[in-house]
Amino acid sequence: MGPARKDHWIGLRTGIGIFAPLIILFAIDRLDLVVFAVFGAFTGVYGRVDGYWNRLRMQVRSGLLFFVVIAVALAASYWWVDHDNPEVMQWQIVGATTLVAGICSVLVGFMRLRPGGSLFHIFAFAAIASIPHAAPMGEALLVAGLTIVLALIIGSAGAIGQWANLWERTALPPLSDNVRKAIWWEGLFYILSAGVAGILANTLGSQLSAGHNYWAMVAAVVPLVGHTTKLRIRRGVHRVLGTLVGMVLMALLIWLNPQVWVLLAVIAVCQFLAEMLVMRNYFLAQIFITPMALVGVSLVTGLSGTVMYDRVVETLIGCAVGMLGVLLGSWFGSFLKRRQDPVPKSES
């Protein structure tokens, strides 16, 4: 367990930010709009920064990016993805999501967003683009936009009565050439990892009767976050083990089969606990991330063991690809370094 850094505050903000819009949609009987509220609420995750102005700046940027991703995904679902042909649809989703993985990774890097990478954007784009009969675009974008605004308000709520502190800001230093190059290289790794995982998920997953190929793409980019090879491999292992343990909680929910409003509360509580733990121990956080994600995609269709099977298979495929990519990338980096800085021969 890493040290605590006031994690309960961001956990509380994200928990409220996701529960409030969900319970409102439940009250007006519009659960078909839940997915757009969930991904809009992810804006709250990008609030782990000191200073109200700094937090607002980061969350505005992340909210705008999420809104664009959701809008593009909706457009793809309406006018491009062939939902009547599942096989074609799967390859369309993999191809488009691979591009989103790379583009959003680069944008996140240049926009200085934290957490880094495009994991949430991959999830949002693929999940929405896969919806065969999405809600009207105007309503979907309205819900996403309002949820993003709510996340901004909640993120700034602590400034009430502290207006002098609201305008304190930290100037961001200019990006060095090395950092810019690293951002572009990271975008390439995201494209390769997500693309290979999607291809394997389509081929192996179909043979194993597993759906939700984009879960493999999400899992594949998890190991890419980290400053060392050891940390990246550890994240991949934590993703697998946390998913397996999280299945126990999901199985319990399926057995209990609670009412919908209880499931919405479960999503909020899991979001709170995930943010409490994600920076301290990714394995423990993943235990709660797993049922949160599975309940979210099962609200309309109902809880079932099928999504549990899909999650395990796709996670194994994705994490295997991601960790192998990390090892190959580490080896390739060491190889290039040896080529550029050869060890001088000792004089006899």
Protein backbone atom coordinates (compact mmCIF):
# COMPACT_ATOMS: atom_id res chain seq x y z
CA MET A 1 0.00 0.00 0.00
CA GLY A 2 1.34 3.36 -0.99
CA PRO A 3 0.89 6.43 1.23
CA ALA A 4 -2.49 8.14 1.41
CA ARG A 5 -2.77 11.52 -0.32
CA LYS A 6 -6.24 12.70 0.70
CA ASP A 7 -7.67 10.02 -1.58
CA HIS A 8 -11.03 10.12 0.22
CA TRP A 9 -11.77 13.55 -1.22
CA ILE A 10 -11.41 12.57 -4.86
CA GLY A 11 -13.24 9.33 -4.06
CA LEU A 12 -16.12 11.33 -2.60
CA ARG A 13 -16.18 13.76 -5.53
CA THR A 14 -16.22 11.02 -8.16
CA GLY A 15 -18.72 8.91 -6.22
CA ILE A 16 -21.21 11.80 -5.99
CA GLY A 17 -20.44 12.85 -9.56
CA ILE A 18 -21.49 9.47 -10.92
CA PHE A 19 -24.36 8.65 -8.54
CA ALA A 20 -26.29 11.94 -8.89
CA PRO A 21 -26.87 11.74 -12.68
CA LEU A 22 -27.55 7.98 -12.54
CA ILE A 23 -30.25 8.26 -9.88
CA ILE A 24 -31.86 11.14 -11.81
CA LEU A 25 -31.94 9.04 -15.00
CA PHE A 26 -33.45 6.19 -13.00
CA ALA A 27 -36.12 8.51 -11.61
CA ILE A 28 -37.17 9.66 -15.10
CA ASP A 29 -36.93 6.11 -16.51
CA ARG A 30 -34.10 6.84 -18.97
CA LEU A 31 -31.58 4.11 -18.22
CA ASP A 32 -30.74 4.08 -21.94
CA LEU A 33 -28.76 7.27 -21.24
CA VAL A 34 -26.75 5.83 -18.34
CA VAL A 35 -23.68 5.03 -20.42
CA PHE A 36 -23.31 8.67 -21.48
CA ALA A 37 -23.58 9.87 -17.90
CA VAL A 38 -20.98 7.34 -16.75
CA PHE A 39 -18.39 8.41 -19.29
CA GLY A 40 -19.10 12.09 -18.71
CA ALA A 41 -18.59 11.51 -14.99
CA PHE A 42 -15.09 10.20 -15.67
CA THR A 43 -14.13 13.88 -15.87
CA GLY A 44 -14.05 13.80 -12.09
CA VAL A 45 -11.22 11.27 -12.14
CA TYR A 46 -8.94 14.00 -13.54
CA GLY A 47 -9.08 16.03 -10.36
CA ARG A 48 -6.14 14.59 -8.48
CA VAL A 49 -4.22 17.84 -8.40
CA ASP A 50 -3.63 20.50 -5.73
CA GLY A 51 -5.14 23.94 -6.13
CA TYR A 52 -8.71 24.66 -7.22
CA TRP A 53 -7.72 26.55 -10.34
CA ASN A 54 -5.25 23.85 -11.36
CA ARG A 55 -7.94 21.21 -10.84
CA LEU A 56 -10.52 23.19 -12.80
CA ARG A 57 -8.08 23.72 -15.66
CA MET A 58 -7.31 20.01 -15.86
CA GLN A 59 -10.94 18.93 -15.59
CA VAL A 60 -12.12 21.41 -18.23
CA ARG A 61 -9.56 19.97 -20.64
CA SER A 62 -10.45 16.38 -19.80
CA GLY A 63 -14.18 17.15 -20.00
CA LEU A 64 -13.85 18.67 -23.46
CA LEU A 65 -11.87 15.66 -24.65
CA PHE A 66 -14.45 13.25 -23.24
CA PHE A 67 -17.27 15.20 -24.89
CA VAL A 68 -15.53 15.02 -28.28
CA VAL A 69 -14.85 11.28 -27.88
CA ILE A 70 -18.48 10.61 -26.92
CA ALA A 71 -19.75 12.69 -29.87
CA VAL A 72 -17.46 10.93 -32.37
CA ALA A 73 -18.45 7.53 -30.96
CA LEU A 74 -22.13 8.39 -31.33
CA ALA A 75 -21.58 9.53 -34.91
CA ALA A 76 -19.76 6.27 -35.65
CA SER A 77 -22.59 4.24 -34.12
CA TYR A 78 -25.23 6.08 -36.16
CA TRP A 79 -23.61 6.39 -39.55
CA TRP A 80 -20.60 4.10 -39.87
CA VAL A 81 -20.65 0.93 -37.75
CA ASP A 82 -22.55 -1.92 -39.40
CA HIS A 83 -24.54 -3.26 -36.45
CA ASP A 84 -26.43 -5.68 -38.71
CA ASN A 85 -23.21 -7.56 -39.47
CA PRO A 86 -21.53 -8.49 -36.15
CA GLU A 87 -18.30 -9.72 -37.73
CA VAL A 88 -17.78 -6.55 -39.74
CA MET A 89 -18.79 -4.46 -36.74
CA GLN A 90 -16.15 -6.05 -34.54
CA TRP A 91 -13.37 -5.20 -36.97
CA GLN A 92 -14.70 -1.68 -37.44
CA ILE A 93 -14.70 -1.15 -33.68
CA VAL A 94 -11.16 -2.50 -33.34
CA GLY A 95 -9.82 -0.33 -36.16
CA ALA A 96 -11.47 2.89 -34.99
CA THR A 97 -10.68 2.29 -31.32
CA THR A 98 -7.03 1.68 -32.17
CA LEU A 99 -6.84 5.13 -33.74
CA VAL A 100 -8.61 6.65 -30.75
CA ALA A 101 -6.10 4.95 -28.43
CA GLY A 102 -3.15 6.60 -30.16
CA ILE A 103 -4.71 10.01 -30.81
CA CYS A 104 -6.08 10.43 -27.28
CA SER A 105 -2.82 9.24 -25.73
CA VAL A 106 -0.96 11.99 -27.58
CA LEU A 107 -3.60 14.61 -26.74
CA VAL A 108 -3.58 13.63 -23.06
CA GLY A 109 0.20 13.98 -23.03
CA PHE A 110 0.25 17.44 -24.59
CA MET A 111 -2.72 18.58 -22.47
CA ARG A 112 -0.84 17.53 -19.27
CA LEU A 113 -3.73 15.39 -18.02
CA ARG A 114 -3.37 12.98 -15.13
CA PRO A 115 -3.92 10.05 -15.11
CA GLY A 116 -2.04 9.71 -18.36
CA GLY A 117 -2.83 7.51 -21.31
CA SER A 118 -6.09 6.87 -23.15
CA LEU A 119 -7.60 3.97 -21.17
CA PHE A 120 -10.85 5.82 -20.36
CA HIS A 121 -11.17 7.14 -23.90
CA ILE A 122 -10.75 3.68 -25.40
CA PHE A 123 -13.46 2.39 -23.09
CA ALA A 124 -15.82 5.29 -23.82
CA PHE A 125 -15.44 5.23 -27.60
CA ALA A 126 -15.71 1.47 -28.07
CA ALA A 127 -18.61 1.02 -25.66
CA ILE A 128 -20.69 3.79 -27.24
CA ALA A 129 -19.83 2.93 -30.84
CA SER A 130 -20.90 -0.67 -30.14
CA ILE A 131 -24.44 0.33 -29.11
CA PRO A 132 -26.76 -0.85 -31.91
CA HIS A 133 -29.66 1.50 -31.19
CA ALA A 134 -28.17 4.43 -29.34
CA ALA A 135 -30.32 7.12 -27.78
CA PRO A 136 -30.99 10.29 -29.83
CA MET A 137 -27.75 12.18 -30.26
CA GLY A 138 -29.08 15.43 -28.82
CA GLU A 139 -30.28 13.74 -25.62
CA ALA A 140 -27.10 11.68 -25.26
CA LEU A 141 -24.81 14.68 -25.68
CA LEU A 142 -26.97 16.76 -23.33
CA VAL A 143 -26.64 14.13 -20.58
CA ALA A 144 -22.89 13.79 -21.18
CA GLY A 145 -22.43 17.57 -21.16
CA LEU A 146 -24.47 18.13 -18.01
CA THR A 147 -22.60 15.35 -16.23
CA ILE A 148 -19.28 16.91 -17.21
CA VAL A 149 -20.45 20.29 -15.90
CA LEU A 150 -21.55 18.62 -12.65
CA ALA A 151 -18.07 17.10 -12.28
CA LEU A 152 -16.54 20.57 -12.74
CA ILE A 153 -18.87 22.05 -10.13
CA ILE A 154 -18.14 19.29 -7.62
CA GLY A 155 -14.42 19.64 -8.25
CA SER A 156 -14.56 23.35 -7.48
CA ALA A 157 -17.06 23.13 -4.61
CA GLY A 158 -14.31 23.11 -2.00
CA ALA A 159 -13.45 26.68 -2.96
CA ILE A 160 -16.71 27.99 -1.47
CA GLY A 161 -15.72 30.48 1.20
CA GLN A 162 -12.08 30.33 0.06
CA TRP A 163 -12.29 32.61 -2.97
CA ALA A 164 -8.77 33.92 -2.45
CA ASN A 165 -7.42 30.42 -2.91
CA LEU A 166 -9.52 29.78 -6.00
CA TRP A 167 -7.28 31.87 -8.25
CA GLU A 168 -3.99 30.41 -7.05
CA ARG A 169 -2.48 28.63 -9.99
CA THR A 170 0.68 26.81 -10.88
CA ALA A 171 2.30 27.72 -14.17
CA LEU A 172 3.07 24.66 -16.25
CA PRO A 173 6.66 24.50 -17.49
CA PRO A 174 7.12 24.19 -21.26
CA LEU A 175 7.47 20.69 -22.63
CA SER A 176 11.03 19.77 -23.48
CA ASP A 177 11.94 18.13 -26.78
CA ASN A 178 12.57 14.83 -25.00
CA VAL A 179 9.13 14.91 -23.38
CA ARG A 180 7.48 15.69 -26.73
CA LYS A 181 9.26 12.75 -28.33
CA ALA A 182 8.23 10.52 -25.43
CA ILE A 183 4.58 11.53 -25.90
CA TRP A 184 4.66 10.56 -29.59
CA TRP A 185 6.41 7.27 -28.81
CA GLU A 186 3.83 6.51 -26.12
CA GLY A 187 1.05 7.16 -28.63
CA LEU A 188 2.65 4.63 -30.95
CA PHE A 189 2.82 2.04 -28.17
CA TYR A 190 -0.86 2.62 -27.40
CA ILE A 191 -1.75 2.05 -31.04
CA LEU A 192 0.29 -1.15 -31.22
CA SER A 193 -0.91 -2.58 -27.90
CA ALA A 194 -4.58 -1.75 -28.43
CA GLY A 195 -4.51 -2.88 -32.06
CA VAL A 196 -2.84 -6.23 -31.42
CA ALA A 197 -5.10 -6.91 -28.44
CA GLY A 198 -8.17 -6.10 -30.53
CA ILE A 199 -7.06 -8.40 -33.34
CA LEU A 200 -6.40 -11.26 -30.94
CA ALA A 201 -9.69 -10.63 -29.14
CA ASN A 202 -11.54 -10.86 -32.45
CA THR A 203 -9.83 -14.07 -33.49
CA LEU A 204 -9.27 -15.91 -30.20
CA GLY A 205 -12.27 -14.38 -28.45
CA SER A 206 -14.68 -15.55 -31.11
CA GLN A 207 -13.30 -19.08 -30.87
CA LEU A 208 -13.75 -18.93 -27.09
CA SER A 209 -17.27 -17.49 -27.47
CA ALA A 210 -16.24 -14.27 -25.70
CA GLY A 211 -17.64 -10.85 -26.58
CA HIS A 212 -16.72 -7.27 -25.68
CA ASN A 213 -13.43 -7.28 -27.59
CA TYR A 214 -12.72 -3.70 -26.50
CA TRP A 215 -12.19 -4.94 -22.93
CA ALA A 216 -9.03 -6.61 -24.22
CA MET A 217 -7.93 -3.31 -25.76
CA VAL A 218 -8.49 -1.51 -22.47
CA ALA A 219 -6.57 -4.17 -20.55
CA ALA A 220 -3.69 -4.04 -23.04
CA VAL A 221 -2.90 -0.39 -22.31
CA VAL A 222 -3.02 -0.79 -18.52
CA PRO A 223 0.65 -1.92 -18.29
CA LEU A 224 1.78 1.09 -20.32
CA VAL A 225 1.28 3.41 -17.34
CA GLY A 226 4.39 3.49 -15.20
CA HIS A 227 7.94 4.82 -15.17
CA THR A 228 9.75 1.49 -15.07
CA THR A 229 9.33 -1.92 -16.66
CA LYS A 230 8.84 -3.47 -13.22
CA LEU A 231 5.98 -1.12 -12.35
CA ARG A 232 4.31 -1.69 -15.71
CA ILE A 233 4.45 -5.47 -15.43
CA ARG A 234 3.15 -5.20 -11.88
CA ARG A 235 0.13 -3.22 -13.12
CA GLY A 236 -0.63 -5.92 -15.65
CA VAL A 237 -0.47 -8.64 -13.01
CA HIS A 238 -2.59 -6.54 -10.66
CA ARG A 239 -5.18 -6.08 -13.42
CA VAL A 240 -5.54 -9.84 -13.89
CA LEU A 241 -5.58 -10.77 -10.20
CA GLY A 242 -7.86 -7.87 -9.25
CA THR A 243 -10.29 -8.84 -12.00
CA LEU A 244 -10.44 -12.43 -10.78
CA VAL A 245 -11.10 -11.38 -7.17
CA GLY A 246 -13.60 -8.76 -8.34
CA MET A 247 -15.58 -11.56 -9.95
CA VAL A 248 -16.47 -12.77 -6.46
CA LEU A 249 -18.25 -9.47 -5.79
CA MET A 250 -19.94 -9.64 -9.18
CA ALA A 251 -21.12 -13.20 -8.55
CA LEU A 252 -22.55 -12.06 -5.21
CA LEU A 253 -24.49 -9.28 -6.94
CA ILE A 254 -25.87 -11.71 -9.52
CA TRP A 255 -26.98 -14.05 -6.73
CA LEU A 256 -28.63 -11.24 -4.74
CA ASN A 257 -30.13 -9.66 -7.90
CA PRO A 258 -30.94 -6.33 -6.18
CA GLN A 259 -33.17 -3.59 -7.53
CA VAL A 260 -31.81 -1.14 -10.07
CA TRP A 261 -31.43 1.76 -7.62
CA VAL A 262 -29.28 -0.50 -5.42
CA LEU A 263 -27.07 -1.30 -8.41
CA LEU A 264 -26.66 2.43 -9.04
CA ALA A 265 -25.54 2.85 -5.45
CA VAL A 266 -23.11 -0.05 -5.93
CA ILE A 267 -21.58 1.76 -8.92
CA ALA A 268 -21.10 4.90 -6.82
CA VAL A 269 -19.60 3.02 -3.87
CA CYS A 270 -17.25 1.07 -6.14
CA GLN A 271 -16.18 4.32 -7.81
CA PHE A 272 -15.44 5.81 -4.40
CA LEU A 273 -13.40 2.78 -3.28
CA ALA A 274 -11.57 2.55 -6.60
CA GLU A 275 -10.37 6.15 -6.36
CA MET A 276 -9.47 5.59 -2.71
CA LEU A 277 -7.13 2.77 -3.69
CA VAL A 278 -6.02 3.20 -7.30
CA MET A 279 -2.94 5.30 -6.49
CA ARG A 280 -2.01 3.15 -3.50
CA ASN A 281 -2.53 -0.40 -4.75
CA TYR A 282 -3.88 -1.14 -8.24
CA PHE A 283 -4.78 -4.73 -7.33
CA LEU A 284 -7.14 -3.64 -4.55
CA ALA A 285 -8.63 -0.90 -6.73
CA GLN A 286 -9.29 -3.37 -9.54
CA ILE A 287 -11.40 -5.52 -7.20
CA PHE A 288 -13.96 -2.69 -7.17
CA ILE A 289 -13.40 -1.45 -10.73
CA THR A 290 -14.44 -4.86 -12.08
CA PRO A 291 -17.99 -5.03 -10.66
CA MET A 292 -18.47 -1.31 -11.33
CA ALA A 293 -17.76 -1.80 -15.04
CA LEU A 294 -19.79 -4.99 -15.33
CA VAL A 295 -22.83 -3.57 -13.53
CA GLY A 296 -22.64 -0.49 -15.75
CA VAL A 297 -22.87 -2.50 -18.96
CA SER A 298 -25.55 -4.81 -17.52
CA LEU A 299 -28.06 -2.27 -16.21
CA VAL A 300 -30.25 -2.41 -19.32
CA THR A 301 -29.81 -6.07 -20.26
CA GLY A 302 -29.72 -7.45 -16.71
CA LEU A 303 -26.98 -9.13 -14.66
CA SER A 304 -25.67 -12.42 -16.03
CA GLY A 305 -22.67 -14.67 -15.87
CA THR A 306 -21.91 -14.06 -19.55
CA VAL A 307 -20.29 -10.69 -18.91
CA MET A 308 -18.15 -12.29 -16.20
CA TYR A 309 -16.80 -14.84 -18.65
CA ASP A 310 -16.19 -12.18 -21.28
CA ARG A 311 -14.37 -9.97 -18.80
CA VAL A 312 -11.98 -12.71 -17.69
CA VAL A 313 -11.14 -13.91 -21.21
CA GLU A 314 -10.67 -10.43 -22.67
CA THR A 315 -8.64 -9.27 -19.66
CA LEU A 316 -6.27 -12.21 -19.98
CA ILE A 317 -5.80 -11.57 -23.70
CA GLY A 318 -5.28 -7.83 -23.25
CA CYS A 319 -2.91 -8.01 -20.28
CA ALA A 320 -0.82 -10.70 -21.99
CA VAL A 321 -0.43 -8.43 -25.02
CA GLY A 322 0.31 -5.37 -22.90
CA MET A 323 2.94 -7.04 -20.72
CA LEU A 324 4.63 -8.69 -23.70
CA GLY A 325 4.72 -5.31 -25.41
CA VAL A 326 6.31 -3.73 -22.34
CA LEU A 327 9.02 -6.39 -22.26
CA LEU A 328 9.70 -6.06 -25.99
CA GLY A 329 9.76 -2.27 -25.71
CA SER A 330 12.22 -2.46 -22.80
CA TRP A 331 14.46 -4.83 -24.73
CA PHE A 332 14.31 -2.65 -27.86
CA GLY A 333 15.15 0.48 -25.83
CA SER A 334 18.13 -1.25 -24.25
CA PHE A 335 19.25 -2.45 -27.68
CA LEU A 336 19.15 1.07 -29.13
CA LYS A 337 21.00 2.44 -26.12
CA ARG A 338 23.77 -0.13 -26.55
CA ARG A 339 24.01 0.76 -30.24
CA GLN A 340 24.29 4.48 -29.48
CA ASP A 341 26.62 4.11 -26.50
CA PRO A 342 28.89 1.15 -27.19
CA VAL A 343 31.16 0.06 -24.39
CA PRO A 344 34.71 1.13 -25.31
CA LYS A 345 37.25 -1.64 -25.63
CA SER A 346 39.84 -1.70 -22.87
CA GLU A 347 43.39 -0.96 -24.00
CA SER A 348 45.75 -3.89 -23.74
